[in-house]
Amino acid sequence: MINNFIDPATQEILLRLFIALLLGMVIGTERMWAHKTAGMRTYALVAMGSALFVIISSEMVKTYVGFPGMNPLMIVAQIVVGVGFIGAGMIFNKDAKSIMGLTTATGLWVSAGIGMATGFGLFNIAIIATILTLFIFTVLWFIEKQLQNTKFFKGNNTENIN
């Protein structure tokens, strides 16, 4: 039993899940430092969960090769829909006076994409996407704040920075 658990195929799956977890956790750490609702655990779970669904889908295709309707991209499409549902919950505001949580929702959406990339073994793409996401959350936040303090943008703020 234990020999089957640590075979090379399982080690590859564990690696993919662990990398997805780490990359999601890195993004979530920045969100936590920015005092946002979704933090390390949420982003790590979304990334790792997305990787898990991709891995399960890929493994099922191997097991049921030749069966009609076996397409791993069907599950990937449903991940996007499912994370969109989570994102809608993040954006929903009882007061309906402003849009809040949009950046958090899109961050979770990207985190799901990063998880899907790691699930497919596309580690370089996942790492690059993580770095770009951190750039957006940190550097672009600073630039956006600076622009909002200029005369041109004062009073014209159509996006609530979250």
Protein backbone atom coordinates (compact mmCIF):
# COMPACT_ATOMS: atom_id res chain seq x y z
CA MET A 1 0.00 0.00 0.00
CA ILE A 2 2.67 2.52 1.02
CA ASN A 3 4.78 1.65 -2.04
CA ASN A 4 1.89 2.63 -4.32
CA PHE A 5 1.45 5.88 -2.42
CA ILE A 6 4.92 7.17 -3.18
CA ASP A 7 5.35 5.91 -6.73
CA PRO A 8 6.70 8.42 -9.32
CA ALA A 9 3.23 9.28 -10.65
CA THR A 10 2.00 10.10 -7.15
CA GLN A 11 5.13 12.14 -6.45
CA GLU A 12 4.40 14.20 -9.58
CA ILE A 13 0.83 14.79 -8.39
CA LEU A 14 2.04 15.81 -4.92
CA LEU A 15 4.54 18.20 -6.50
CA ARG A 16 1.83 19.83 -8.61
CA LEU A 17 -0.51 20.23 -5.63
CA PHE A 18 2.28 21.59 -3.43
CA ILE A 19 3.44 24.14 -6.02
CA ALA A 20 -0.15 25.30 -6.54
CA LEU A 21 -0.58 25.62 -2.77
CA LEU A 22 2.67 27.63 -2.44
CA LEU A 23 1.90 29.99 -5.30
CA GLY A 24 -1.63 30.63 -4.02
CA MET A 25 -0.23 31.15 -0.54
CA VAL A 26 2.27 33.75 -1.83
CA ILE A 27 -0.53 35.77 -3.42
CA GLY A 28 -2.70 35.35 -0.34
CA THR A 29 0.12 36.60 1.87
CA GLU A 30 0.19 39.89 -0.03
CA ARG A 31 -3.60 40.16 0.28
CA MET A 32 -3.35 39.48 4.01
CA TRP A 33 -0.72 42.22 4.41
CA ALA A 34 -3.07 44.54 2.50
CA HIS A 35 -5.76 43.72 5.12
CA LYS A 36 -8.14 42.09 2.63
CA THR A 37 -10.83 39.57 3.46
CA ALA A 38 -9.36 36.66 1.50
CA GLY A 39 -5.85 35.77 2.62
CA MET A 40 -3.29 32.99 2.52
CA ARG A 41 -5.65 30.12 3.20
CA THR A 42 -8.28 31.22 0.69
CA TYR A 43 -5.84 31.81 -2.16
CA ALA A 44 -3.91 28.60 -1.36
CA LEU A 45 -7.14 26.59 -1.34
CA VAL A 46 -8.38 28.07 -4.61
CA ALA A 47 -5.06 27.43 -6.36
CA MET A 48 -4.62 23.94 -4.92
CA GLY A 49 -8.27 23.02 -5.49
CA SER A 50 -8.04 24.08 -9.12
CA ALA A 51 -4.88 22.02 -9.54
CA LEU A 52 -6.62 19.07 -7.88
CA PHE A 53 -9.60 19.22 -10.25
CA VAL A 54 -7.27 19.41 -13.27
CA ILE A 55 -5.25 16.45 -12.00
CA ILE A 56 -8.38 14.40 -11.34
CA SER A 57 -9.68 15.25 -14.80
CA SER A 58 -6.39 14.28 -16.44
CA GLU A 59 -6.19 11.03 -14.49
CA MET A 60 -9.76 10.10 -15.40
CA VAL A 61 -9.01 10.61 -19.07
CA LYS A 62 -6.07 8.19 -18.73
CA THR A 63 -8.28 5.65 -16.99
CA TYR A 64 -11.23 5.93 -19.37
CA VAL A 65 -9.36 6.57 -22.61
CA GLY A 66 -11.58 5.88 -25.59
CA PHE A 67 -14.84 6.49 -23.75
CA PRO A 68 -16.98 9.06 -25.53
CA GLY A 69 -17.30 12.41 -23.80
CA MET A 70 -14.06 12.20 -21.79
CA ASN A 71 -12.59 15.67 -22.13
CA PRO A 72 -10.40 17.14 -19.35
CA LEU A 73 -11.16 20.66 -20.56
CA MET A 74 -14.79 20.27 -19.46
CA ILE A 75 -13.72 20.27 -15.81
CA VAL A 76 -11.36 23.19 -16.42
CA ALA A 77 -14.27 25.21 -17.80
CA GLN A 78 -16.31 24.40 -14.70
CA ILE A 79 -13.46 25.59 -12.44
CA VAL A 80 -13.71 29.01 -14.07
CA VAL A 81 -17.47 29.05 -13.46
CA GLY A 82 -17.11 27.84 -9.86
CA VAL A 83 -14.50 30.44 -8.97
CA GLY A 84 -16.67 33.06 -10.66
CA PHE A 85 -19.42 32.08 -8.22
CA ILE A 86 -17.01 32.56 -5.29
CA GLY A 87 -15.97 35.91 -6.78
CA ALA A 88 -19.58 37.05 -7.06
CA GLY A 89 -19.95 36.33 -3.36
CA MET A 90 -16.88 38.47 -2.65
CA ILE A 91 -18.27 41.40 -4.64
CA PHE A 92 -21.84 41.25 -3.30
CA ASN A 93 -22.50 44.24 -1.06
CA LYS A 94 -25.65 44.50 1.05
CA ASP A 95 -25.66 48.27 0.80
CA ALA A 96 -25.32 48.22 -3.02
CA LYS A 97 -23.86 51.73 -2.81
CA SER A 98 -20.45 50.75 -4.11
CA ILE A 99 -18.60 47.86 -5.62
CA MET A 100 -16.31 46.22 -3.08
CA GLY A 101 -14.14 43.13 -3.40
CA LEU A 102 -13.70 43.26 -7.16
CA THR A 103 -9.91 43.05 -6.97
CA THR A 104 -10.13 40.22 -4.45
CA ALA A 105 -12.53 38.34 -6.71
CA THR A 106 -10.30 38.76 -9.75
CA GLY A 107 -7.29 37.75 -7.67
CA LEU A 108 -9.06 34.52 -6.73
CA TRP A 109 -9.93 33.99 -10.39
CA VAL A 110 -6.27 34.37 -11.37
CA SER A 111 -5.26 32.12 -8.48
CA ALA A 112 -7.53 29.44 -9.94
CA GLY A 113 -5.76 29.87 -13.29
CA ILE A 114 -2.41 29.48 -11.56
CA GLY A 115 -3.69 26.31 -9.92
CA MET A 116 -4.92 24.98 -13.25
CA ALA A 117 -1.52 25.67 -14.82
CA THR A 118 0.26 23.75 -12.07
CA GLY A 119 -2.28 20.95 -12.33
CA PHE A 120 -1.34 20.56 -15.99
CA GLY A 121 2.36 20.74 -15.06
CA LEU A 122 2.87 24.19 -16.61
CA PHE A 123 5.05 25.40 -13.73
CA ASN A 124 6.80 28.21 -15.64
CA ILE A 125 3.48 29.75 -16.64
CA ALA A 126 2.17 29.42 -13.07
CA ILE A 127 5.24 31.08 -11.57
CA ILE A 128 5.23 33.92 -14.13
CA ALA A 129 1.50 34.49 -13.53
CA THR A 130 2.13 34.60 -9.76
CA ILE A 131 4.88 37.21 -10.19
CA LEU A 132 2.66 39.29 -12.48
CA THR A 133 -0.23 39.05 -10.00
CA LEU A 134 2.02 40.27 -7.19
CA PHE A 135 3.14 43.13 -9.45
CA ILE A 136 -0.49 44.09 -10.00
CA PHE A 137 -1.38 43.88 -6.32
CA THR A 138 1.65 45.87 -5.13
CA VAL A 139 3.21 48.11 -7.79
CA LEU A 140 0.02 48.98 -9.63
CA TRP A 141 -1.75 49.64 -6.34
CA PHE A 142 0.92 52.24 -5.52
CA ILE A 143 0.70 53.83 -8.99
CA GLU A 144 -3.11 53.89 -8.79
CA LYS A 145 -2.98 55.62 -5.39
CA GLN A 146 -0.58 58.22 -6.74
CA LEU A 147 -2.79 58.89 -9.76
CA GLN A 148 -5.88 59.26 -7.59
CA ASN A 149 -4.13 62.00 -5.65
CA THR A 150 -3.59 64.10 -8.77
CA LYS A 151 -5.99 66.90 -9.74
CA PHE A 152 -7.01 65.07 -12.90
CA PHE A 153 -8.34 62.03 -11.04
CA LYS A 154 -9.78 63.67 -7.92
CA GLY A 155 -13.53 63.32 -7.96
CA ASN A 156 -13.40 61.00 -10.98
CA ASN A 157 -12.67 57.82 -9.06
CA THR A 158 -14.90 55.20 -10.64
CA GLU A 159 -13.14 52.21 -9.11
CA ASN A 160 -12.97 51.56 -5.42
CA ILE A 161 -9.46 50.26 -4.65
CA ASN A 162 -9.75 47.06 -2.71
